[in-house]
């Protein structure tokens, strides 16, 4: 008989390390953002003010499914507070999933039933569930039930490059104009500079490679008058810690395009389960005329094909610079269910109202985690 075990203590999460990844590898939804290492490191840096709510579906002490959830308490200016159940890692994980091994529909129903028995949350909001995952299929079936309060909506788009067996085949799929421009800019760059590609292994330390990425990312965004992803100290510290952990696992993959031995473009990515996940990039705007970001991406595609990877996932956000490379786009969904309170309903309304979103962003007002 299936039963739910709830884990709320960090030490219990620690103890799950080996069994967590074994179960993840057996599941069909095996991606890098669901690994114990990613979630554990994220919790270490961002868990303050939140409560762990990891649910295990077990039968005779054997884990059949895992719900990597947490309870977050948000406040919005002075207007109200919101207690939300969400995936551990939100909003920094590009994909989120339940780890479903056997009897997925039964396990997911059991998880939701357990949550409904608790009276300390207002809203369930599960973001960035890929349409290709078992989690999305089961949630979609549950939403179709007339008695279900769950609602599944389109959330974000994630472009990707499906990789062929050879780089020549891939290059032939690019537009003639793009191929011509890449060749021309690489030639011009080589005429003026010594051009090479480095990885994190060519630096004295992973930290030095990450600091180089931070610098290039900040340069790129500050040229547009924006702060950039790594402007926040907490975010930088999380990725410094994560990069060390992933490097030891063989999952960290950093590439740098250099001119005269000076890095001018960087890609921070993860190699996991025969797939590359491109996470963040950076480049020196002074070399933007050479399309150094695209030149580096061309090298990375060749690297992926040589490694036998099946896909280069450009991850969340369909920016124009990704569109030129993508061979396909997958959709991420968000599943929501209101449990109680007018503020939760107002929150959902505001997220679906474009004018309201623009006004909130213009005012610089955002939901913030309420610290304990």
Protein backbone atom coordinates (compact mmCIF):
# COMPACT_ATOMS: atom_id res chain seq x y z
CA UNK A 1 0.00 0.00 0.00
CA UNK A 2 1.31 3.46 -0.94
CA UNK A 3 2.07 5.93 1.82
CA UNK A 4 3.52 9.44 1.95
CA UNK A 5 6.58 10.32 4.02
CA UNK A 6 7.18 14.03 4.59
CA UNK A 7 10.72 15.34 5.14
CA UNK A 8 11.13 18.83 6.62
CA UNK A 9 14.62 18.65 8.12
CA UNK A 10 17.78 19.49 6.20
CA UNK A 11 19.63 16.54 7.72
CA UNK A 12 16.99 14.20 6.24
CA UNK A 13 17.58 15.81 2.84
CA UNK A 14 21.33 15.22 3.30
CA UNK A 15 20.74 11.54 4.02
CA UNK A 16 18.82 11.12 0.75
CA UNK A 17 21.79 11.95 -1.51
CA UNK A 18 22.61 8.48 -2.87
CA UNK A 19 19.06 7.13 -3.09
CA UNK A 20 17.83 10.43 -4.64
CA UNK A 21 20.17 10.22 -7.63
CA UNK A 22 19.66 6.47 -8.05
CA UNK A 23 15.93 7.04 -8.31
CA UNK A 24 16.39 10.04 -10.59
CA UNK A 25 18.47 7.98 -13.02
CA UNK A 26 15.71 5.36 -13.15
CA UNK A 27 13.03 7.95 -13.86
CA UNK A 28 12.09 9.29 -17.29
CA UNK A 29 12.46 12.89 -16.10
CA UNK A 30 16.20 12.79 -15.47
CA UNK A 31 17.67 16.28 -15.91
CA UNK A 32 20.46 18.19 -14.19
CA UNK A 33 18.10 20.55 -12.33
CA UNK A 34 16.52 17.60 -10.50
CA UNK A 35 19.81 16.21 -9.20
CA UNK A 36 20.38 16.15 -5.46
CA UNK A 37 23.52 18.28 -5.94
CA UNK A 38 21.70 21.14 -7.69
CA UNK A 39 18.80 21.19 -5.22
CA UNK A 40 21.00 20.73 -2.13
CA UNK A 41 23.31 23.58 -3.18
CA UNK A 42 20.35 25.81 -4.02
CA UNK A 43 18.79 25.16 -0.62
CA UNK A 44 22.10 25.88 1.13
CA UNK A 45 22.18 29.37 -0.40
CA UNK A 46 18.49 30.29 -0.71
CA UNK A 47 16.65 28.12 1.81
CA UNK A 48 16.68 30.68 4.61
CA UNK A 49 13.11 31.78 5.32
CA UNK A 50 11.61 28.72 3.61
CA UNK A 51 10.53 25.30 4.86
CA UNK A 52 11.46 22.02 3.22
CA UNK A 53 8.47 19.93 2.21
CA UNK A 54 9.92 16.91 0.42
CA UNK A 55 7.31 14.21 -0.07
CA UNK A 56 8.19 10.58 -0.75
CA UNK A 57 5.68 8.05 -2.08
CA UNK A 58 6.76 4.73 -0.63
CA UNK A 59 5.62 1.14 -0.77
CA UNK A 60 7.25 -1.24 1.73
CA UNK A 61 10.01 1.36 2.33
CA UNK A 62 10.79 1.49 -1.40
CA UNK A 63 10.62 4.96 -2.96
CA UNK A 64 8.32 5.12 -5.99
CA UNK A 65 8.27 8.90 -6.45
CA UNK A 66 9.68 12.12 -4.97
CA UNK A 67 8.09 15.58 -4.75
CA UNK A 68 10.97 18.09 -4.20
CA UNK A 69 8.83 20.85 -2.69
CA UNK A 70 9.19 23.74 -0.26
CA UNK A 71 6.96 26.26 1.47
CA UNK A 72 7.89 29.90 0.83
CA UNK A 73 6.41 32.92 2.56
CA UNK A 74 6.32 35.98 0.33
CA UNK A 75 5.37 39.57 1.03
CA UNK A 76 4.41 42.27 -1.45
CA UNK A 77 5.08 45.79 -0.18
CA UNK A 78 2.48 46.35 2.57
CA UNK A 79 -0.44 44.88 0.70
CA UNK A 80 -0.32 41.25 1.69
CA UNK A 81 1.51 38.01 2.29
CA UNK A 82 1.45 34.78 0.36
CA UNK A 83 2.39 31.30 1.54
CA UNK A 84 3.26 29.30 -1.52
CA UNK A 85 4.17 25.65 -2.13
CA UNK A 86 6.67 25.44 -4.99
CA UNK A 87 9.55 23.38 -6.32
CA UNK A 88 12.90 23.61 -4.56
CA UNK A 89 15.13 25.62 -6.88
CA UNK A 90 12.46 28.02 -8.16
CA UNK A 91 13.01 30.42 -9.85
CA UNK A 92 16.64 29.53 -10.73
CA UNK A 93 16.01 26.06 -12.19
CA UNK A 94 15.17 26.11 -15.90
CA UNK A 95 13.21 22.87 -15.51
CA UNK A 96 11.34 21.48 -12.51
CA UNK A 97 9.77 18.06 -12.10
CA UNK A 98 8.44 15.43 -9.80
CA UNK A 99 10.68 12.37 -9.83
CA UNK A 100 8.17 9.73 -10.92
CA UNK A 101 9.31 6.14 -11.20
CA UNK A 102 6.23 3.90 -10.89
CA UNK A 103 2.47 4.49 -10.81
CA UNK A 104 2.98 8.23 -11.52
CA UNK A 105 -0.67 9.26 -11.52
CA UNK A 106 -1.37 7.50 -8.26
CA UNK A 107 1.73 9.00 -6.63
CA UNK A 108 0.96 12.53 -7.80
CA UNK A 109 -2.61 12.30 -6.52
CA UNK A 110 -1.23 11.11 -3.21
CA UNK A 111 1.11 14.10 -3.02
CA UNK A 112 -1.71 16.57 -3.70
CA UNK A 113 -3.97 14.85 -1.17
CA UNK A 114 -1.23 15.19 1.45
CA UNK A 115 -0.80 18.89 0.68
CA UNK A 116 -4.56 19.45 1.02
CA UNK A 117 -4.37 17.97 4.52
CA UNK A 118 -2.01 20.76 5.57
CA UNK A 119 -3.43 24.16 6.41
CA UNK A 120 -0.34 26.38 6.17
CA UNK A 121 -0.34 27.40 2.49
CA UNK A 122 -2.39 29.63 0.19
CA UNK A 123 -1.20 28.70 -3.28
CA UNK A 124 0.44 25.79 -5.07
CA UNK A 125 2.56 27.13 -7.94
CA UNK A 126 4.75 24.64 -9.81
CA UNK A 127 6.70 26.44 -12.52
CA UNK A 128 8.73 25.31 -15.53
CA UNK A 129 7.46 21.78 -15.99
CA UNK A 130 8.60 20.69 -19.45
CA UNK A 131 5.85 19.50 -21.77
CA UNK A 132 7.99 16.43 -22.58
CA UNK A 133 8.06 15.19 -18.98
CA UNK A 134 5.87 12.56 -17.35
CA UNK A 135 5.03 15.19 -14.71
CA UNK A 136 3.35 17.37 -17.37
CA UNK A 137 1.42 14.42 -18.83
CA UNK A 138 0.01 13.41 -15.44
CA UNK A 139 -0.84 16.98 -14.42
CA UNK A 140 -2.58 17.51 -17.77
CA UNK A 141 -4.77 14.45 -17.16
CA UNK A 142 -5.56 15.61 -13.64
CA UNK A 143 -6.54 19.09 -14.83
CA UNK A 144 -9.09 17.58 -17.21
CA UNK A 145 -11.04 16.15 -14.28
CA UNK A 146 -14.19 18.14 -13.52
CA UNK A 147 -13.44 18.06 -9.79
CA UNK A 148 -9.84 19.23 -10.12
CA UNK A 149 -8.84 22.70 -8.92
CA UNK A 150 -5.52 22.45 -10.75
CA UNK A 151 -4.93 24.75 -13.72
CA UNK A 152 -2.09 24.20 -16.21
CA UNK A 153 -0.90 27.22 -18.22
CA UNK A 154 1.90 27.96 -20.69
CA UNK A 155 4.83 29.46 -18.79
CA UNK A 156 8.05 29.81 -20.81
CA UNK A 157 9.64 28.67 -24.07
CA UNK A 158 12.90 26.72 -24.23
CA UNK A 159 14.73 26.54 -27.59
CA UNK A 160 17.09 23.64 -28.25
CA UNK A 161 19.45 22.28 -30.90
CA UNK A 162 18.87 18.69 -31.94
CA UNK A 163 22.33 17.42 -32.80
CA UNK A 164 23.11 15.32 -35.90
CA UNK A 165 25.94 12.81 -36.20
CA UNK A 166 28.37 15.23 -37.83
CA UNK A 167 29.18 18.94 -37.64
CA UNK A 168 29.06 19.20 -41.44
CA UNK A 169 25.41 18.13 -41.42
CA UNK A 170 24.64 20.68 -38.70
CA UNK A 171 26.45 23.50 -40.55
CA UNK A 172 24.51 22.71 -43.73
CA UNK A 173 21.27 23.40 -41.85
CA UNK A 174 22.28 26.97 -40.99
CA UNK A 175 21.13 29.68 -43.36
CA UNK A 176 23.66 30.58 -46.11
CA UNK A 177 23.79 34.12 -44.74
CA UNK A 178 24.64 32.93 -41.23
CA UNK A 179 27.35 30.55 -42.47
CA UNK A 180 28.87 33.33 -44.56
CA UNK A 181 28.84 35.83 -41.67
CA UNK A 182 30.39 33.37 -39.23
CA UNK A 183 33.23 32.56 -41.63
CA UNK A 184 33.83 36.24 -42.40
CA UNK A 185 33.91 37.32 -38.74
CA UNK A 186 36.16 34.47 -37.69
CA UNK A 187 38.55 35.34 -40.52
CA UNK A 188 38.58 39.03 -39.55
CA UNK A 189 39.19 38.16 -35.91
CA UNK A 190 42.08 35.84 -36.78
CA UNK A 191 43.66 38.48 -39.00
CA UNK A 192 44.02 40.82 -36.00
CA UNK A 193 44.38 38.50 -33.01
CA UNK A 194 45.53 35.10 -31.85
CA UNK A 195 42.23 33.26 -31.35
CA UNK A 196 41.73 30.19 -29.14
CA UNK A 197 39.12 28.42 -27.00
CA UNK A 198 39.67 27.57 -23.33
CA UNK A 199 37.70 25.55 -20.78
CA UNK A 200 37.65 25.82 -16.98
CA UNK A 201 40.51 23.31 -16.91
CA UNK A 202 42.81 25.88 -18.50
CA UNK A 203 42.45 28.24 -15.52
CA UNK A 204 44.29 27.96 -12.22
CA UNK A 205 41.01 27.19 -10.48
CA UNK A 206 37.28 26.82 -11.10
CA UNK A 207 36.80 29.99 -9.07
CA UNK A 208 39.03 31.95 -11.46
CA UNK A 209 37.03 30.64 -14.44
CA UNK A 210 33.76 31.63 -12.75
CA UNK A 211 35.05 35.11 -11.87
CA UNK A 212 35.92 35.56 -15.56
CA UNK A 213 32.37 34.55 -16.50
CA UNK A 214 30.95 37.02 -13.96
CA UNK A 215 33.05 39.84 -15.40
CA UNK A 216 32.00 39.15 -18.99
CA UNK A 217 28.33 38.72 -18.06
CA UNK A 218 28.31 42.02 -16.17
CA UNK A 219 30.12 43.79 -19.03
CA UNK A 220 27.57 42.54 -21.52
CA UNK A 221 24.54 43.69 -19.51
CA UNK A 222 25.98 46.96 -18.24
CA UNK A 223 26.55 47.99 -21.86
CA UNK A 224 22.73 47.94 -22.10
CA UNK A 225 22.21 49.72 -18.79
CA UNK A 226 21.08 46.55 -16.99
CA UNK A 227 22.55 44.90 -13.87
CA UNK A 228 23.01 41.38 -15.24
CA UNK A 229 22.38 37.99 -13.66
CA UNK A 230 25.47 38.00 -11.45
CA UNK A 231 24.92 41.45 -9.94
CA UNK A 232 23.49 39.77 -6.81
CA UNK A 233 26.10 38.44 -4.38
CA UNK A 234 23.89 35.52 -3.28
CA UNK A 235 23.49 34.36 -6.88
CA UNK A 236 27.24 34.56 -7.51
CA UNK A 237 28.03 32.63 -4.33
CA UNK A 238 25.52 29.92 -5.24
CA UNK A 239 27.14 29.37 -8.62
CA UNK A 240 30.67 29.49 -7.22
CA UNK A 241 29.71 26.69 -4.85
CA UNK A 242 27.75 24.79 -7.49
CA UNK A 243 30.56 24.99 -10.06
CA UNK A 244 33.00 23.34 -7.64
CA UNK A 245 30.52 20.53 -6.92
CA UNK A 246 29.63 20.00 -10.59
CA UNK A 247 33.27 20.09 -11.63
CA UNK A 248 34.03 17.16 -9.31
CA UNK A 249 31.06 15.26 -10.77
CA UNK A 250 32.21 15.95 -14.35
CA UNK A 251 29.07 17.97 -15.07
CA UNK A 252 30.61 21.45 -15.29
CA UNK A 253 31.38 22.66 -18.82
CA UNK A 254 32.72 26.20 -19.32
CA UNK A 255 33.99 27.50 -22.65
CA UNK A 256 35.83 30.77 -23.28
CA UNK A 257 36.76 32.37 -26.58
CA UNK A 258 40.08 34.22 -26.15
CA UNK A 259 41.86 36.83 -28.24
CA UNK A 260 45.56 37.22 -27.46
CA UNK A 261 44.91 34.97 -24.42
CA UNK A 262 42.26 37.33 -23.04
CA UNK A 263 38.71 35.86 -22.64
CA UNK A 264 36.13 37.87 -24.59
CA UNK A 265 33.17 35.46 -24.57
CA UNK A 266 32.03 32.77 -22.13
CA UNK A 267 29.39 30.05 -21.93
CA UNK A 268 28.54 28.45 -18.58
CA UNK A 269 26.83 25.11 -19.12
CA UNK A 270 26.27 21.63 -17.69
CA UNK A 271 26.94 18.28 -19.37
CA UNK A 272 24.53 15.69 -18.01
CA UNK A 273 22.87 12.55 -19.34
CA UNK A 274 24.26 12.98 -22.91
CA UNK A 275 22.92 16.50 -23.10
CA UNK A 276 24.34 20.00 -22.74
CA UNK A 277 22.37 22.57 -20.75
CA UNK A 278 23.44 26.11 -21.63
CA UNK A 279 22.80 28.18 -18.50
CA UNK A 280 24.38 31.64 -18.79
CA UNK A 281 26.71 33.54 -21.10
CA UNK A 282 28.78 36.69 -21.23
CA UNK A 283 30.90 38.63 -23.70
CA UNK A 284 32.95 41.79 -24.01
CA UNK A 285 30.84 44.34 -25.99
CA UNK A 286 34.06 45.74 -27.53
CA UNK A 287 34.23 42.54 -29.57
CA UNK A 288 30.53 42.43 -30.38
CA UNK A 289 31.19 43.35 -34.01
CA UNK A 290 32.90 39.97 -34.44
CA UNK A 291 29.86 38.06 -33.05
CA UNK A 292 32.16 36.38 -30.51
CA UNK A 293 29.17 34.80 -28.78
CA UNK A 294 28.10 33.05 -31.98
CA UNK A 295 31.65 32.00 -32.82
CA UNK A 296 31.93 30.37 -29.40
CA UNK A 297 28.55 28.71 -29.79
CA UNK A 298 29.66 27.22 -33.11
CA UNK A 299 32.66 25.67 -31.33
CA UNK A 300 30.42 24.29 -28.56
CA UNK A 301 28.07 22.65 -31.06
CA UNK A 302 31.07 20.92 -32.63
CA UNK A 303 32.22 19.84 -29.14
CA UNK A 304 28.77 18.40 -28.37
CA UNK A 305 28.67 16.39 -31.60
CA UNK A 306 32.17 15.01 -30.95
CA UNK A 307 31.02 13.96 -27.46
CA UNK A 308 28.01 12.15 -28.94
CA UNK A 309 25.47 14.38 -27.21
CA UNK A 310 21.90 14.16 -28.47
CA UNK A 311 20.95 17.76 -27.70
CA UNK A 312 22.24 21.23 -26.85
CA UNK A 313 19.48 22.71 -24.70
CA UNK A 314 19.55 26.50 -24.85
CA UNK A 315 17.17 26.49 -21.84
CA UNK A 316 14.56 28.94 -20.69
CA UNK A 317 13.86 32.12 -22.63
CA UNK A 318 13.49 32.45 -26.41
CA UNK A 319 15.86 35.38 -26.95
CA UNK A 320 16.76 36.41 -30.55
CA UNK A 321 20.36 35.17 -30.21
CA UNK A 322 19.01 31.66 -29.53
CA UNK A 323 16.54 31.72 -32.42
CA UNK A 324 19.30 31.67 -35.04
CA UNK A 325 20.56 28.33 -33.70
CA UNK A 326 17.49 26.49 -32.46
CA UNK A 327 16.08 23.54 -34.37
CA UNK A 328 13.09 23.25 -32.06
CA UNK A 329 11.28 24.82 -29.11
CA UNK A 330 9.72 23.06 -26.13
CA UNK A 331 7.14 24.59 -23.82
CA UNK A 332 7.32 24.83 -20.06
CA UNK A 333 4.07 24.87 -18.11
CA UNK A 334 3.07 26.21 -14.71
CA UNK A 335 0.54 24.32 -12.57
CA UNK A 336 -1.44 26.38 -10.06
CA UNK A 337 -4.03 25.61 -7.42
CA UNK A 338 -5.49 28.14 -4.97
CA UNK A 339 -6.13 26.72 -1.53
CA UNK A 340 -7.33 29.74 0.41
CA UNK A 341 -7.26 33.53 0.66
CA UNK A 342 -8.14 36.47 -1.55
CA UNK A 343 -4.51 37.50 -1.94
CA UNK A 344 -3.64 34.21 -3.66
CA UNK A 345 -6.43 34.83 -6.17
CA UNK A 346 -5.24 38.40 -6.72
CA UNK A 347 -1.70 37.12 -7.26
CA UNK A 348 -2.84 34.70 -9.98
CA UNK A 349 -4.91 37.42 -11.64
CA UNK A 350 -1.94 39.81 -11.65
CA UNK A 351 0.40 37.22 -13.21
CA UNK A 352 -2.06 36.72 -16.07
CA UNK A 353 -2.68 40.44 -16.64
CA UNK A 354 -0.06 42.04 -18.92
CA UNK A 355 -0.92 45.62 -17.90
CA UNK A 356 -0.61 44.73 -14.21
CA UNK A 357 2.75 43.05 -14.80
CA UNK A 358 4.07 46.11 -16.64
CA UNK A 359 2.90 48.44 -13.86
CA UNK A 360 4.51 46.29 -11.16
CA UNK A 361 7.81 46.14 -13.05
CA UNK A 362 7.70 49.90 -13.68
CA UNK A 363 7.28 50.54 -9.97
CA UNK A 364 10.07 48.12 -9.15
CA UNK A 365 7.76 46.25 -6.78
CA UNK A 366 8.27 42.53 -6.39
CA UNK A 367 7.40 39.63 -4.14
CA UNK A 368 10.21 38.99 -1.67
CA UNK A 369 10.82 36.02 0.58
CA UNK A 370 9.93 36.76 4.18
CA UNK A 371 12.90 35.88 6.34
CA UNK A 372 12.46 33.98 9.58
